[in-house]
Amino acid sequence: MLEKNKPYRNKKILQASRNRTCILCGADDGTIVRAHYQGIGSSRLGKGWSQKPHDFASADLCFKCHNDFDSYVQPNDKDRGYDFLMLILETLARDFREEIIK
């Protein structure tokens, strides 16, 4: 159950990224981690002072893609938040297919 003002944490979700490819570029280089959403509205997804959003508000990204999002290095920065949210949904679909989330 989600508690108000407390982000949801799940090690199984975070660890699933280790054996996957990057959801954005397809890299399979051993640097894939679960990158948490930091864009507009992230406070509605559990982000708070010195805390990341809910673990399910994240996407499987390689080091380069994760760094690009964190550094705002995108071809069109105004679409950055939307693009990241779509990557989160693609990652969640992968989680359901692989039964990480049931």
C-alpha atoms as a PDB file:
ATOM      1  CA  MET A   1       0.000   0.000   0.000  1.00  0.00           C
ATOM      2  CA  LEU A   2       1.209   3.511  -0.799  1.00  0.00           C
ATOM      3  CA  GLU A   3       1.494   5.762   2.211  1.00  0.00           C
ATOM      4  CA  LYS A   4       0.973   9.475   1.750  1.00  0.00           C
ATOM      5  CA  ASN A   5       4.261  11.384   1.580  1.00  0.00           C
ATOM      6  CA  LYS A   6       6.321   8.168   1.580  1.00  0.00           C
ATOM      7  CA  PRO A   7       7.769   6.936  -1.728  1.00  0.00           C
ATOM      8  CA  TYR A   8       7.151   3.291  -2.667  1.00  0.00           C
ATOM      9  CA  ARG A   9      10.343   1.212  -2.630  1.00  0.00           C
ATOM     10  CA  ASN A  10      10.766  -2.247  -4.160  1.00  0.00           C
ATOM     11  CA  LYS A  11      14.187  -3.916  -4.526  1.00  0.00           C
ATOM     12  CA  LYS A  12      12.810  -6.445  -7.001  1.00  0.00           C
ATOM     13  CA  ILE A  13      11.881  -3.636  -9.408  1.00  0.00           C
ATOM     14  CA  LEU A  14      15.302  -1.996  -9.092  1.00  0.00           C
ATOM     15  CA  GLN A  15      17.258  -5.251  -9.434  1.00  0.00           C
ATOM     16  CA  ALA A  16      15.342  -6.316 -12.556  1.00  0.00           C
ATOM     17  CA  SER A  17      17.194  -3.646 -14.547  1.00  0.00           C
ATOM     18  CA  ARG A  18      20.563  -5.349 -14.094  1.00  0.00           C
ATOM     19  CA  ASN A  19      19.894  -8.034 -16.705  1.00  0.00           C
ATOM     20  CA  ARG A  20      18.104  -5.886 -19.246  1.00  0.00           C
ATOM     21  CA  THR A  21      18.873  -3.669 -22.201  1.00  0.00           C
ATOM     22  CA  CYS A  22      18.360   0.093 -22.188  1.00  0.00           C
ATOM     23  CA  ILE A  23      14.702   0.826 -22.968  1.00  0.00           C
ATOM     24  CA  LEU A  24      15.757   3.876 -25.046  1.00  0.00           C
ATOM     25  CA  CYS A  25      18.836   2.928 -27.088  1.00  0.00           C
ATOM     26  CA  GLY A  26      18.968  -0.866 -26.640  1.00  0.00           C
ATOM     27  CA  ALA A  27      22.458  -0.863 -25.097  1.00  0.00           C
ATOM     28  CA  ASP A  28      23.466  -4.072 -23.350  1.00  0.00           C
ATOM     29  CA  ASP A  29      26.661  -2.796 -21.771  1.00  0.00           C
ATOM     30  CA  GLY A  30      26.232  -3.668 -18.084  1.00  0.00           C
ATOM     31  CA  THR A  31      25.402  -0.093 -17.066  1.00  0.00           C
ATOM     32  CA  ILE A  32      21.591  -0.432 -17.051  1.00  0.00           C
ATOM     33  CA  VAL A  33      19.931   0.944 -13.924  1.00  0.00           C
ATOM     34  CA  ARG A  34      16.451   2.063 -12.949  1.00  0.00           C
ATOM     35  CA  ALA A  35      16.455   5.828 -13.572  1.00  0.00           C
ATOM     36  CA  HIS A  36      13.835   7.713 -11.543  1.00  0.00           C
ATOM     37  CA  TYR A  37      11.674  10.418 -13.125  1.00  0.00           C
ATOM     38  CA  GLN A  38      12.722  13.950 -12.153  1.00  0.00           C
ATOM     39  CA  GLY A  39      10.522  16.062 -14.429  1.00  0.00           C
ATOM     40  CA  ILE A  40       7.429  18.189 -14.032  1.00  0.00           C
ATOM     41  CA  GLY A  41       4.974  16.634 -11.622  1.00  0.00           C
ATOM     42  CA  SER A  42       7.542  14.331 -10.022  1.00  0.00           C
ATOM     43  CA  SER A  43       6.317  15.435  -6.585  1.00  0.00           C
ATOM     44  CA  ARG A  44       3.004  13.755  -7.466  1.00  0.00           C
ATOM     45  CA  LEU A  45       5.006  10.557  -8.021  1.00  0.00           C
ATOM     46  CA  GLY A  46       6.603  10.507  -4.563  1.00  0.00           C
ATOM     47  CA  LYS A  47       9.550  12.869  -5.086  1.00  0.00           C
ATOM     48  CA  GLY A  48      10.338  14.987  -2.076  1.00  0.00           C
ATOM     49  CA  TRP A  49      13.166  16.809  -0.407  1.00  0.00           C
ATOM     50  CA  SER A  50      16.269  14.616  -0.917  1.00  0.00           C
ATOM     51  CA  GLN A  51      14.218  11.605  -2.028  1.00  0.00           C
ATOM     52  CA  LYS A  52      13.538  10.002  -5.379  1.00  0.00           C
ATOM     53  CA  PRO A  53      10.056   9.316  -6.709  1.00  0.00           C
ATOM     54  CA  HIS A  54       8.377   5.910  -6.327  1.00  0.00           C
ATOM     55  CA  ASP A  55      10.448   3.037  -7.702  1.00  0.00           C
ATOM     56  CA  PHE A  56       7.753   2.299 -10.294  1.00  0.00           C
ATOM     57  CA  ALA A  57       8.190   5.866 -11.657  1.00  0.00           C
ATOM     58  CA  SER A  58      11.454   4.884 -13.318  1.00  0.00           C
ATOM     59  CA  ALA A  59      12.855   3.470 -16.553  1.00  0.00           C
ATOM     60  CA  ASP A  60      15.614   1.014 -17.497  1.00  0.00           C
ATOM     61  CA  LEU A  61      18.376   3.258 -18.857  1.00  0.00           C
ATOM     62  CA  CYS A  62      22.071   2.794 -19.637  1.00  0.00           C
ATOM     63  CA  PHE A  63      24.634   5.186 -18.171  1.00  0.00           C
ATOM     64  CA  LYS A  64      24.688   7.412 -21.276  1.00  0.00           C
ATOM     65  CA  CYS A  65      20.890   7.761 -21.651  1.00  0.00           C
ATOM     66  CA  HIS A  66      20.460   8.249 -17.891  1.00  0.00           C
ATOM     67  CA  ASN A  67      23.120  10.947 -17.914  1.00  0.00           C
ATOM     68  CA  ASP A  68      21.528  12.640 -20.956  1.00  0.00           C
ATOM     69  CA  PHE A  69      18.164  12.880 -19.177  1.00  0.00           C
ATOM     70  CA  ASP A  70      19.754  14.069 -15.935  1.00  0.00           C
ATOM     71  CA  SER A  71      21.781  16.666 -17.860  1.00  0.00           C
ATOM     72  CA  TYR A  72      18.844  17.850 -20.005  1.00  0.00           C
ATOM     73  CA  VAL A  73      20.767  16.810 -23.129  1.00  0.00           C
ATOM     74  CA  GLN A  74      17.868  15.998 -25.437  1.00  0.00           C
ATOM     75  CA  PRO A  75      17.105  17.131 -28.992  1.00  0.00           C
ATOM     76  CA  ASN A  76      13.972  18.943 -27.809  1.00  0.00           C
ATOM     77  CA  ASP A  77      14.018  19.747 -24.080  1.00  0.00           C
ATOM     78  CA  LYS A  78      10.322  20.699 -23.946  1.00  0.00           C
ATOM     79  CA  ASP A  79       9.446  17.076 -24.761  1.00  0.00           C
ATOM     80  CA  ARG A  80      11.916  15.640 -22.249  1.00  0.00           C
ATOM     81  CA  GLY A  81       9.350  14.955 -19.507  1.00  0.00           C
ATOM     82  CA  TYR A  82       6.881  13.374 -21.910  1.00  0.00           C
ATOM     83  CA  ASP A  83       9.601  11.195 -23.446  1.00  0.00           C
ATOM     84  CA  PHE A  84      10.730   9.994 -20.022  1.00  0.00           C
ATOM     85  CA  LEU A  85       7.149   9.185 -18.977  1.00  0.00           C
ATOM     86  CA  MET A  86       6.746   7.066 -22.130  1.00  0.00           C
ATOM     87  CA  LEU A  87       9.973   5.200 -21.251  1.00  0.00           C
ATOM     88  CA  ILE A  88       8.553   4.548 -17.776  1.00  0.00           C
ATOM     89  CA  LEU A  89       5.411   3.043 -19.323  1.00  0.00           C
ATOM     90  CA  GLU A  90       7.497   0.867 -21.663  1.00  0.00           C
ATOM     91  CA  THR A  91       9.572  -0.305 -18.687  1.00  0.00           C
ATOM     92  CA  LEU A  92       6.416  -1.072 -16.680  1.00  0.00           C
ATOM     93  CA  ALA A  93       5.075  -3.109 -19.616  1.00  0.00           C
ATOM     94  CA  ARG A  94       8.340  -5.079 -19.554  1.00  0.00           C
ATOM     95  CA  ASP A  95       7.940  -5.564 -15.792  1.00  0.00           C
ATOM     96  CA  PHE A  96       4.456  -7.023 -16.277  1.00  0.00           C
ATOM     97  CA  ARG A  97       5.532  -9.277 -19.173  1.00  0.00           C
ATOM     98  CA  GLU A  98       8.412 -10.650 -17.093  1.00  0.00           C
ATOM     99  CA  GLU A  99       6.174 -10.865 -14.004  1.00  0.00           C
ATOM    100  CA  ILE A 100       8.401  -8.553 -11.950  1.00  0.00           C
ATOM    101  CA  ILE A 101       5.121  -6.799 -11.155  1.00  0.00           C
ATOM    102  CA  LYS A 102       1.975  -8.917 -10.921  1.00  0.00           C
END
